[in-house]
Amino acid sequence: MPIANASFPITRYSAIFATRSSDVPERTRAYETILFAYWKPSYKYIRLKWQASNEDAEDFTQGFFAKAFEKGYFEKYDPAAGSFHGFLRVCIDRFVANERKAQTRQKRSGDAFHLSLDFAAAEEEFRRYDQSSTLSVEEYFHQEWVRSLFTLSIEALREKCQTAGKQIHFQMFELCDLEAEGEKPSYESLAKQFEVKTTDVTNYLAFARREFRKIVLAKLREITATEDEFRQEARTLLGVGLS
């Protein structure tokens, strides 16, 4: 995905620290934000690290996040001790180990979040993982976290363009930047396809790419704990300089 170096204003909200809020709706929103970003990577991590069946991995994933909300797991996170990614993996490993030791397989619904998790899609993605890969489980977790972040950002951009009546902007962005295979369409062919001027194609794509970068940064800010972690991930994922 072509993303140029740029500086953007940064939203300072972090869901990780908002889990400590005394305001219940704010705290619930924070846990839901973390859940949206991390449940798929966590499910796949459990499948790979713990060699769990897909049914057990579903139960462990739902159970972990439900208990994390109930017991305030994330409120205990100390940035000085390491990254939130590492902290989360440690919490998952402890939870799964305890569940297996207790031989507990009771499925939890996760109703505290009022969310329906698409485990079928997560399992399909996991089955495409090359088991001969040299990635460590930690690297695999991070890779899947990045996939989750970009998926959420793409959907947010789709909704924003839909609301603003800029569906063509998103469709062009999809064709130029999101299609994994095949030759990218020229601006001239896009202009002909959508019956607009070539200069419009340039402007539409510039808008979509700019908004996408902003969305990614906003979501990244929500699910990182420190300024250093945020800036490091932003440089890694987008190659951007931050003001």
Protein backbone atom coordinates (compact mmCIF):
# COMPACT_ATOMS: atom_id res chain seq x y z
CA MET A 1 0.00 0.00 0.00
CA PRO A 2 1.61 3.30 -1.06
CA ILE A 3 1.80 5.55 1.99
CA ALA A 4 4.09 8.56 1.84
CA ASN A 5 5.98 10.16 4.70
CA ALA A 6 3.84 12.80 6.37
CA SER A 7 2.99 14.38 9.70
CA PHE A 8 -0.48 14.25 11.19
CA PRO A 9 -2.19 15.64 14.28
CA ILE A 10 -2.41 12.89 16.87
CA THR A 11 -5.44 12.02 19.01
CA ARG A 12 -4.15 11.39 22.53
CA TYR A 13 -6.83 8.92 23.61
CA SER A 14 -5.50 5.51 24.68
CA ALA A 15 -8.00 2.75 25.38
CA ILE A 16 -5.39 0.92 27.46
CA PHE A 17 -5.33 3.67 30.07
CA ALA A 18 -9.05 4.35 29.72
CA THR A 19 -9.67 0.88 31.22
CA ARG A 20 -8.82 2.56 34.54
CA SER A 21 -11.53 5.19 34.20
CA SER A 22 -14.08 5.50 37.00
CA ASP A 23 -16.72 6.15 34.32
CA VAL A 24 -18.32 2.79 33.48
CA PRO A 25 -19.34 3.60 29.86
CA GLU A 26 -15.85 4.95 29.17
CA ARG A 27 -14.24 1.86 30.70
CA THR A 28 -16.56 -0.43 28.71
CA ARG A 29 -15.74 1.42 25.50
CA ALA A 30 -12.03 1.00 26.25
CA TYR A 31 -12.36 -2.76 26.72
CA GLU A 32 -14.42 -3.06 23.55
CA THR A 33 -11.74 -1.14 21.63
CA ILE A 34 -9.06 -3.52 22.88
CA LEU A 35 -11.26 -6.52 22.16
CA PHE A 36 -11.91 -5.42 18.56
CA ALA A 37 -8.18 -4.99 17.92
CA TYR A 38 -6.89 -8.05 19.73
CA TRP A 39 -9.42 -10.88 19.72
CA LYS A 40 -8.46 -12.31 16.32
CA PRO A 41 -4.69 -12.20 16.97
CA SER A 42 -5.36 -13.78 20.38
CA TYR A 43 -7.46 -16.58 18.89
CA LYS A 44 -4.80 -17.39 16.30
CA TYR A 45 -2.04 -17.15 18.92
CA ILE A 46 -3.87 -19.68 21.11
CA ARG A 47 -4.36 -21.99 18.13
CA LEU A 48 -0.63 -21.84 17.31
CA LYS A 49 1.08 -21.53 20.71
CA TRP A 50 -1.18 -23.88 22.65
CA GLN A 51 -2.08 -26.21 19.76
CA ALA A 52 -5.71 -25.77 20.80
CA SER A 53 -8.59 -27.02 18.68
CA ASN A 54 -10.68 -24.31 17.06
CA GLU A 55 -13.53 -25.02 19.52
CA ASP A 56 -11.24 -24.70 22.55
CA ALA A 57 -9.55 -21.62 21.10
CA GLU A 58 -12.99 -19.99 20.75
CA ASP A 59 -13.81 -20.76 24.37
CA PHE A 60 -10.42 -19.60 25.62
CA THR A 61 -10.60 -16.35 23.63
CA GLN A 62 -14.11 -15.45 24.74
CA GLY A 63 -13.34 -16.56 28.29
CA PHE A 64 -10.14 -14.57 28.46
CA PHE A 65 -11.64 -11.26 27.36
CA ALA A 66 -14.73 -11.73 29.50
CA LYS A 67 -12.54 -12.37 32.55
CA ALA A 68 -10.18 -9.53 31.64
CA PHE A 69 -13.15 -7.16 31.75
CA GLU A 70 -14.52 -8.68 34.95
CA LYS A 71 -11.20 -8.77 36.84
CA GLY A 72 -9.64 -5.60 35.40
CA TYR A 73 -6.62 -7.36 33.86
CA PHE A 74 -5.57 -4.46 31.67
CA GLU A 75 -5.75 -1.94 34.48
CA LYS A 76 -2.70 -3.71 35.97
CA TYR A 77 -0.53 -3.08 32.91
CA ASP A 78 2.71 -1.19 33.64
CA PRO A 79 4.35 0.30 30.51
CA ALA A 80 7.73 0.30 32.30
CA ALA A 81 7.65 -3.51 32.34
CA GLY A 82 7.39 -3.89 28.57
CA SER A 83 5.01 -3.59 25.63
CA PHE A 84 1.27 -4.12 25.88
CA HIS A 85 1.62 -6.90 23.29
CA GLY A 86 3.93 -8.81 25.61
CA PHE A 87 1.73 -8.17 28.63
CA LEU A 88 -1.33 -9.42 26.78
CA ARG A 89 0.39 -12.61 25.68
CA VAL A 90 1.49 -13.32 29.26
CA CYS A 91 -2.09 -12.84 30.46
CA ILE A 92 -3.39 -15.15 27.74
CA ASP A 93 -0.81 -17.83 28.54
CA ARG A 94 -1.67 -17.73 32.25
CA PHE A 95 -5.38 -17.91 31.52
CA VAL A 96 -5.09 -20.86 29.11
CA ALA A 97 -2.71 -22.71 31.45
CA ASN A 98 -5.11 -22.28 34.37
CA GLU A 99 -8.11 -23.30 32.28
CA ARG A 100 -6.38 -26.44 31.10
CA LYS A 101 -5.18 -27.28 34.58
CA ALA A 102 -8.74 -26.98 35.87
CA GLN A 103 -9.95 -28.90 32.80
CA THR A 104 -12.52 -26.17 32.24
CA ARG A 105 -14.08 -25.96 28.83
CA GLN A 106 -17.28 -24.08 29.62
CA LYS A 107 -18.02 -21.67 26.80
CA ARG A 108 -18.43 -18.05 27.78
CA SER A 109 -20.59 -15.77 25.68
CA GLY A 110 -18.71 -12.53 26.32
CA ASP A 111 -22.05 -10.75 26.79
CA ALA A 112 -20.34 -7.98 28.76
CA PHE A 113 -19.23 -6.55 25.41
CA HIS A 114 -22.49 -7.11 23.48
CA LEU A 115 -20.38 -8.27 20.53
CA SER A 116 -20.58 -11.23 18.19
CA LEU A 117 -17.14 -12.52 17.25
CA ASP A 118 -16.70 -14.05 13.80
CA PHE A 119 -14.63 -17.08 14.77
CA ALA A 120 -15.39 -18.82 11.47
CA ALA A 121 -13.55 -16.07 9.59
CA ALA A 122 -10.68 -16.13 12.09
CA GLU A 123 -10.35 -19.90 11.68
CA GLU A 124 -10.34 -19.62 7.90
CA GLU A 125 -7.54 -17.06 8.10
CA PHE A 126 -5.59 -19.24 10.53
CA ARG A 127 -5.83 -22.26 8.23
CA ARG A 128 -4.11 -20.22 5.51
CA TYR A 129 -1.09 -19.76 7.79
CA ASP A 130 1.98 -21.61 6.58
CA GLN A 131 2.88 -23.96 9.44
CA SER A 132 6.43 -24.21 8.08
CA SER A 133 6.94 -20.47 8.57
CA THR A 134 10.02 -19.39 10.49
CA LEU A 135 8.05 -16.72 12.35
CA SER A 136 8.08 -17.07 16.12
CA VAL A 137 4.69 -17.16 17.85
CA GLU A 138 5.40 -13.64 19.12
CA GLU A 139 6.11 -12.38 15.59
CA TYR A 140 3.02 -14.16 14.32
CA PHE A 141 0.92 -12.47 17.02
CA HIS A 142 2.24 -9.05 15.99
CA GLN A 143 1.66 -9.79 12.31
CA GLU A 144 -1.96 -10.71 13.00
CA TRP A 145 -2.40 -7.64 15.20
CA VAL A 146 -1.26 -5.50 12.25
CA ARG A 147 -3.74 -7.32 10.00
CA SER A 148 -6.52 -6.61 12.52
CA LEU A 149 -5.56 -2.92 12.76
CA PHE A 150 -5.63 -2.43 8.99
CA THR A 151 -8.89 -4.37 8.60
CA LEU A 152 -10.59 -2.15 11.18
CA SER A 153 -9.16 0.97 9.52
CA ILE A 154 -10.34 -0.06 6.06
CA GLU A 155 -13.86 -0.67 7.36
CA ALA A 156 -13.82 2.70 9.13
CA LEU A 157 -12.78 4.40 5.89
CA ARG A 158 -15.54 2.57 4.00
CA GLU A 159 -18.13 3.81 6.50
CA LYS A 160 -16.75 7.36 6.44
CA CYS A 161 -16.88 7.53 2.64
CA GLN A 162 -20.37 6.04 2.64
CA THR A 163 -21.62 8.63 5.12
CA ALA A 164 -19.98 11.50 3.22
CA GLY A 165 -21.33 10.38 -0.14
CA LYS A 166 -17.82 9.60 -1.37
CA GLN A 167 -18.34 5.96 -2.32
CA ILE A 168 -16.37 6.43 -5.56
CA HIS A 169 -13.37 7.61 -3.55
CA PHE A 170 -13.35 4.36 -1.59
CA GLN A 171 -13.95 2.21 -4.66
CA MET A 172 -10.94 3.76 -6.38
CA PHE A 173 -8.87 3.29 -3.22
CA GLU A 174 -9.93 -0.35 -3.14
CA LEU A 175 -8.94 -0.95 -6.75
CA CYS A 176 -5.60 0.87 -6.52
CA ASP A 177 -4.37 0.08 -3.01
CA LEU A 178 -6.21 -2.95 -1.66
CA GLU A 179 -6.26 -5.40 -4.56
CA ALA A 180 -3.55 -7.94 -3.81
CA GLU A 181 -3.16 -9.43 -7.28
CA GLY A 182 -3.05 -8.22 -10.84
CA GLU A 183 -1.88 -5.03 -12.49
CA LYS A 184 -3.06 -1.83 -10.86
CA PRO A 185 -5.49 0.20 -12.99
CA SER A 186 -4.21 3.39 -14.55
CA TYR A 187 -5.73 6.74 -13.63
CA GLU A 188 -7.00 7.00 -17.19
CA SER A 189 -8.83 3.66 -16.96
CA LEU A 190 -10.34 4.65 -13.60
CA ALA A 191 -11.52 7.95 -15.07
CA LYS A 192 -13.22 6.08 -17.89
CA GLN A 193 -14.72 3.45 -15.57
CA PHE A 194 -16.22 6.01 -13.17
CA GLU A 195 -16.96 8.63 -15.83
CA VAL A 196 -14.88 11.38 -14.22
CA LYS A 197 -11.86 13.43 -15.21
CA THR A 198 -8.33 12.12 -14.64
CA THR A 199 -7.68 15.02 -12.29
CA ASP A 200 -10.68 13.86 -10.26
CA VAL A 201 -9.09 10.42 -9.89
CA THR A 202 -5.95 12.07 -8.50
CA ASN A 203 -7.98 14.10 -6.02
CA TYR A 204 -10.24 11.23 -4.99
CA LEU A 205 -7.32 8.90 -4.30
CA ALA A 206 -5.43 11.61 -2.41
CA PHE A 207 -8.47 12.12 -0.18
CA ALA A 208 -8.95 8.40 0.50
CA ARG A 209 -5.26 7.79 1.25
CA ARG A 210 -5.06 10.83 3.51
CA GLU A 211 -8.15 9.78 5.46
CA PHE A 212 -6.92 6.21 5.69
CA ARG A 213 -3.62 7.33 7.23
CA LYS A 214 -5.49 9.46 9.75
CA ILE A 215 -7.75 6.54 10.70
CA VAL A 216 -4.83 4.14 11.11
CA LEU A 217 -3.01 6.60 13.36
CA ALA A 218 -6.11 7.27 15.46
CA LYS A 219 -6.73 3.55 15.95
CA LEU A 220 -3.05 2.92 16.64
CA ARG A 221 -3.13 5.60 19.32
CA GLU A 222 -6.11 3.88 20.96
CA ILE A 223 -4.38 0.53 21.31
CA THR A 224 -0.85 1.57 22.27
CA ALA A 225 0.11 2.57 25.77
CA THR A 226 3.07 4.92 25.48
CA GLU A 227 4.26 7.66 23.16
CA ASP A 228 7.37 5.66 22.25
CA GLU A 229 5.33 2.55 21.41
CA PHE A 230 2.93 4.59 19.32
CA ARG A 231 5.67 6.35 17.36
CA GLN A 232 7.64 3.16 16.80
CA GLU A 233 4.60 1.29 15.47
CA ALA A 234 3.60 4.26 13.30
CA ARG A 235 7.06 4.37 11.73
CA THR A 236 7.02 0.60 11.17
CA LEU A 237 3.52 0.43 9.70
CA LEU A 238 3.27 3.70 7.78
CA GLY A 239 6.74 5.14 7.60
CA VAL A 240 5.40 8.46 8.85
CA GLY A 241 7.00 11.22 10.84
CA LEU A 242 4.86 12.47 13.71
CA SER A 243 4.69 16.03 14.94
